[in-house]
Amino acid sequence: MGKQGHEKRKSTKEAKDAKPKPGKCMRTRSQARNRNRRQQQLTTVIVEEPEIPMADNRTMAQMLQAPIEGYEDAIVVPPINANNFELKQPLINLVQSNKFTGRQDPHNHLRFFNKVTSTFRHPEVPNTSIKLLLFPFSLDGELR
């Protein structure tokens, strides 16, 4: 028994001193189990997409432009059935003080627009209708 125990120690020491072969690394049992589980969990799905031919030779900037043909009347303000409702000139001037030209941040423009339009209320007119009426005044040039 003494010899066998001594041989076991010697074989463990040899295993520690042994260098792994190039390109391979030694793994513990738990690492090997985890690797096997990952390989079982991974499934590869190859989806073939149909080939889409290029329709034209437009530049990337032109392709990113939103189409405007046929959308001229896409935003329609619902009819307002309120008595004595009108947009006051000072409110229109306030909206026009920060016109969107396309060069500044659109998020900041919308924040400002919402802040300004939320200051005006009419009991018989929904706030969305007021915003739809005022929004064109907040745009500059061709954007309008």
C-alpha atoms as a PDB file:
ATOM      1  CA  MET A   1       0.000   0.000   0.000  1.00  0.00           C
ATOM      2  CA  GLY A   2       2.869   2.304   0.702  1.00  0.00           C
ATOM      3  CA  LYS A   3       4.251   1.833  -2.786  1.00  0.00           C
ATOM      4  CA  GLN A   4       0.919   2.446  -4.452  1.00  0.00           C
ATOM      5  CA  GLY A   5       0.343   5.677  -2.523  1.00  0.00           C
ATOM      6  CA  HIS A   6       3.859   6.771  -3.429  1.00  0.00           C
ATOM      7  CA  GLU A   7       3.207   6.019  -7.109  1.00  0.00           C
ATOM      8  CA  LYS A   8      -0.044   8.014  -7.034  1.00  0.00           C
ATOM      9  CA  ARG A   9       1.805  11.021  -5.668  1.00  0.00           C
ATOM     10  CA  LYS A  10       4.425  10.632  -8.318  1.00  0.00           C
ATOM     11  CA  SER A  11       1.834  10.437 -11.116  1.00  0.00           C
ATOM     12  CA  THR A  12       0.010  13.548  -9.843  1.00  0.00           C
ATOM     13  CA  LYS A  13       3.301  15.400  -9.687  1.00  0.00           C
ATOM     14  CA  GLU A  14       4.096  14.298 -13.223  1.00  0.00           C
ATOM     15  CA  ALA A  15       0.684  15.506 -14.358  1.00  0.00           C
ATOM     16  CA  LYS A  16       1.354  18.919 -12.805  1.00  0.00           C
ATOM     17  CA  ASP A  17       4.780  19.181 -14.404  1.00  0.00           C
ATOM     18  CA  ALA A  18       3.575  17.958 -17.789  1.00  0.00           C
ATOM     19  CA  LYS A  19       3.153  20.730 -20.312  1.00  0.00           C
ATOM     20  CA  PRO A  20       0.061  20.721 -22.514  1.00  0.00           C
ATOM     21  CA  LYS A  21       0.517  20.127 -26.195  1.00  0.00           C
ATOM     22  CA  PRO A  22       0.696  23.256 -28.322  1.00  0.00           C
ATOM     23  CA  GLY A  23      -2.739  24.481 -29.359  1.00  0.00           C
ATOM     24  CA  LYS A  24      -4.496  22.601 -26.568  1.00  0.00           C
ATOM     25  CA  CYS A  25      -5.170  23.649 -23.020  1.00  0.00           C
ATOM     26  CA  MET A  26      -6.096  21.570 -20.049  1.00  0.00           C
ATOM     27  CA  ARG A  27      -9.673  21.869 -18.795  1.00  0.00           C
ATOM     28  CA  THR A  28     -11.210  20.933 -15.517  1.00  0.00           C
ATOM     29  CA  ARG A  29     -14.182  18.603 -15.509  1.00  0.00           C
ATOM     30  CA  SER A  30     -16.617  21.442 -14.822  1.00  0.00           C
ATOM     31  CA  GLN A  31     -15.194  23.477 -17.696  1.00  0.00           C
ATOM     32  CA  ALA A  32     -15.540  20.507 -20.008  1.00  0.00           C
ATOM     33  CA  ARG A  33     -19.158  19.952 -18.859  1.00  0.00           C
ATOM     34  CA  ASN A  34     -19.983  23.643 -19.399  1.00  0.00           C
ATOM     35  CA  ARG A  35     -18.402  23.545 -22.841  1.00  0.00           C
ATOM     36  CA  ASN A  36     -20.418  20.475 -23.769  1.00  0.00           C
ATOM     37  CA  ARG A  37     -23.638  22.142 -22.534  1.00  0.00           C
ATOM     38  CA  ARG A  38     -22.904  25.272 -24.569  1.00  0.00           C
ATOM     39  CA  GLN A  39     -22.292  23.200 -27.674  1.00  0.00           C
ATOM     40  CA  GLN A  40     -25.613  21.414 -27.143  1.00  0.00           C
ATOM     41  CA  GLN A  41     -27.464  24.712 -26.617  1.00  0.00           C
ATOM     42  CA  LEU A  42     -26.023  26.418 -29.687  1.00  0.00           C
ATOM     43  CA  THR A  43     -27.970  25.821 -32.832  1.00  0.00           C
ATOM     44  CA  THR A  44     -27.183  27.500 -36.095  1.00  0.00           C
ATOM     45  CA  VAL A  45     -30.028  28.640 -38.266  1.00  0.00           C
ATOM     46  CA  ILE A  46     -29.138  29.745 -41.760  1.00  0.00           C
ATOM     47  CA  VAL A  47     -31.782  31.826 -43.434  1.00  0.00           C
ATOM     48  CA  GLU A  48     -31.323  32.533 -47.084  1.00  0.00           C
ATOM     49  CA  GLU A  49     -32.590  35.955 -48.022  1.00  0.00           C
ATOM     50  CA  PRO A  50     -33.820  36.539 -51.538  1.00  0.00           C
ATOM     51  CA  GLU A  51     -31.599  38.670 -53.696  1.00  0.00           C
ATOM     52  CA  ILE A  52     -32.995  42.178 -54.076  1.00  0.00           C
ATOM     53  CA  PRO A  53     -31.824  43.983 -57.183  1.00  0.00           C
ATOM     54  CA  MET A  54     -30.940  47.668 -56.916  1.00  0.00           C
ATOM     55  CA  ALA A  55     -33.748  49.721 -58.405  1.00  0.00           C
ATOM     56  CA  ASP A  56     -31.738  52.831 -59.173  1.00  0.00           C
ATOM     57  CA  ASN A  57     -28.423  54.572 -58.709  1.00  0.00           C
ATOM     58  CA  ARG A  58     -29.438  57.080 -56.024  1.00  0.00           C
ATOM     59  CA  THR A  59     -26.910  58.251 -53.461  1.00  0.00           C
ATOM     60  CA  MET A  60     -27.235  57.164 -49.829  1.00  0.00           C
ATOM     61  CA  ALA A  61     -28.411  60.667 -48.849  1.00  0.00           C
ATOM     62  CA  GLN A  62     -31.154  60.508 -51.463  1.00  0.00           C
ATOM     63  CA  MET A  63     -32.234  57.051 -50.318  1.00  0.00           C
ATOM     64  CA  LEU A  64     -32.534  58.253 -46.723  1.00  0.00           C
ATOM     65  CA  GLN A  65     -34.914  61.073 -47.672  1.00  0.00           C
ATOM     66  CA  ALA A  66     -38.500  60.381 -46.693  1.00  0.00           C
ATOM     67  CA  PRO A  67     -40.840  60.243 -49.679  1.00  0.00           C
ATOM     68  CA  ILE A  68     -43.161  63.234 -49.918  1.00  0.00           C
ATOM     69  CA  GLU A  69     -45.195  62.440 -53.021  1.00  0.00           C
ATOM     70  CA  GLY A  70     -48.756  61.621 -52.008  1.00  0.00           C
ATOM     71  CA  TYR A  71     -48.250  62.670 -48.378  1.00  0.00           C
ATOM     72  CA  GLU A  72     -49.066  66.370 -48.725  1.00  0.00           C
ATOM     73  CA  ASP A  73     -52.342  66.039 -46.821  1.00  0.00           C
ATOM     74  CA  ALA A  74     -51.307  63.228 -44.482  1.00  0.00           C
ATOM     75  CA  ILE A  75     -51.704  65.338 -41.320  1.00  0.00           C
ATOM     76  CA  VAL A  76     -55.239  66.577 -41.067  1.00  0.00           C
ATOM     77  CA  VAL A  77     -56.419  68.838 -38.264  1.00  0.00           C
ATOM     78  CA  PRO A  78     -59.823  67.683 -37.027  1.00  0.00           C
ATOM     79  CA  PRO A  79     -62.604  70.240 -37.292  1.00  0.00           C
ATOM     80  CA  ILE A  80     -62.855  72.579 -34.300  1.00  0.00           C
ATOM     81  CA  ASN A  81     -66.424  73.250 -33.185  1.00  0.00           C
ATOM     82  CA  ALA A  82     -65.579  75.764 -30.474  1.00  0.00           C
ATOM     83  CA  ASN A  83     -67.071  79.233 -30.247  1.00  0.00           C
ATOM     84  CA  ASN A  84     -64.654  82.159 -30.260  1.00  0.00           C
ATOM     85  CA  PHE A  85     -61.530  80.065 -30.820  1.00  0.00           C
ATOM     86  CA  GLU A  86     -58.554  81.617 -32.546  1.00  0.00           C
ATOM     87  CA  LEU A  87     -54.784  81.376 -32.287  1.00  0.00           C
ATOM     88  CA  LYS A  88     -53.424  84.580 -30.802  1.00  0.00           C
ATOM     89  CA  GLN A  89     -50.564  86.309 -32.581  1.00  0.00           C
ATOM     90  CA  PRO A  90     -48.266  86.370 -29.477  1.00  0.00           C
ATOM     91  CA  LEU A  91     -48.534  82.556 -29.280  1.00  0.00           C
ATOM     92  CA  ILE A  92     -47.692  82.220 -32.981  1.00  0.00           C
ATOM     93  CA  ASN A  93     -44.729  84.606 -32.487  1.00  0.00           C
ATOM     94  CA  LEU A  94     -43.489  82.525 -29.555  1.00  0.00           C
ATOM     95  CA  VAL A  95     -43.637  79.338 -31.648  1.00  0.00           C
ATOM     96  CA  GLN A  96     -41.854  81.107 -34.509  1.00  0.00           C
ATOM     97  CA  SER A  97     -39.063  82.300 -32.227  1.00  0.00           C
ATOM     98  CA  ASN A  98     -37.469  78.854 -32.444  1.00  0.00           C
ATOM     99  CA  LYS A  99     -38.031  77.722 -36.035  1.00  0.00           C
ATOM    100  CA  PHE A 100     -36.703  74.349 -37.091  1.00  0.00           C
ATOM    101  CA  THR A 101     -34.430  74.714 -40.103  1.00  0.00           C
ATOM    102  CA  GLY A 102     -33.193  71.131 -40.303  1.00  0.00           C
ATOM    103  CA  ARG A 103     -29.748  71.976 -38.925  1.00  0.00           C
ATOM    104  CA  GLN A 104     -30.452  71.848 -35.195  1.00  0.00           C
ATOM    105  CA  ASP A 105     -31.426  68.921 -33.002  1.00  0.00           C
ATOM    106  CA  PRO A 106     -35.049  67.928 -33.770  1.00  0.00           C
ATOM    107  CA  HIS A 107     -35.533  66.610 -30.214  1.00  0.00           C
ATOM    108  CA  ASN A 108     -34.715  70.015 -28.726  1.00  0.00           C
ATOM    109  CA  HIS A 109     -37.064  71.675 -31.191  1.00  0.00           C
ATOM    110  CA  LEU A 110     -39.925  69.343 -30.219  1.00  0.00           C
ATOM    111  CA  ARG A 111     -39.229  69.840 -26.497  1.00  0.00           C
ATOM    112  CA  PHE A 112     -39.434  73.602 -26.950  1.00  0.00           C
ATOM    113  CA  PHE A 113     -42.564  73.288 -29.103  1.00  0.00           C
ATOM    114  CA  ASN A 114     -44.300  71.076 -26.503  1.00  0.00           C
ATOM    115  CA  LYS A 115     -43.344  73.445 -23.708  1.00  0.00           C
ATOM    116  CA  VAL A 116     -44.733  76.473 -25.557  1.00  0.00           C
ATOM    117  CA  THR A 117     -47.941  74.790 -26.733  1.00  0.00           C
ATOM    118  CA  SER A 118     -48.678  73.378 -23.291  1.00  0.00           C
ATOM    119  CA  THR A 119     -49.041  76.949 -21.977  1.00  0.00           C
ATOM    120  CA  PHE A 120     -52.161  77.537 -24.081  1.00  0.00           C
ATOM    121  CA  ARG A 121     -55.436  75.754 -23.277  1.00  0.00           C
ATOM    122  CA  HIS A 122     -58.967  76.123 -24.539  1.00  0.00           C
ATOM    123  CA  PRO A 123     -61.762  74.201 -22.789  1.00  0.00           C
ATOM    124  CA  GLU A 124     -63.510  73.148 -26.018  1.00  0.00           C
ATOM    125  CA  VAL A 125     -60.438  72.355 -28.145  1.00  0.00           C
ATOM    126  CA  PRO A 126     -58.143  69.336 -27.621  1.00  0.00           C
ATOM    127  CA  ASN A 127     -54.487  70.217 -27.079  1.00  0.00           C
ATOM    128  CA  THR A 128     -53.471  67.955 -29.990  1.00  0.00           C
ATOM    129  CA  SER A 129     -55.550  70.067 -32.368  1.00  0.00           C
ATOM    130  CA  ILE A 130     -53.846  73.221 -31.119  1.00  0.00           C
ATOM    131  CA  LYS A 131     -50.447  71.596 -31.650  1.00  0.00           C
ATOM    132  CA  LEU A 132     -51.387  70.489 -35.162  1.00  0.00           C
ATOM    133  CA  LEU A 133     -52.479  74.033 -36.012  1.00  0.00           C
ATOM    134  CA  LEU A 134     -49.313  75.594 -34.583  1.00  0.00           C
ATOM    135  CA  PHE A 135     -46.690  73.122 -35.798  1.00  0.00           C
ATOM    136  CA  PRO A 136     -46.334  74.516 -39.346  1.00  0.00           C
ATOM    137  CA  PHE A 137     -45.470  77.896 -37.807  1.00  0.00           C
ATOM    138  CA  SER A 138     -42.486  76.261 -36.051  1.00  0.00           C
ATOM    139  CA  LEU A 139     -40.923  75.145 -39.354  1.00  0.00           C
ATOM    140  CA  ASP A 140     -38.748  77.252 -41.605  1.00  0.00           C
ATOM    141  CA  GLY A 141     -38.570  77.479 -45.378  1.00  0.00           C
ATOM    142  CA  GLU A 142     -39.182  74.314 -47.394  1.00  0.00           C
ATOM    143  CA  LEU A 143     -39.813  72.272 -44.255  1.00  0.00           C
ATOM    144  CA  ARG A 144     -43.060  74.125 -43.813  1.00  0.00           C
END
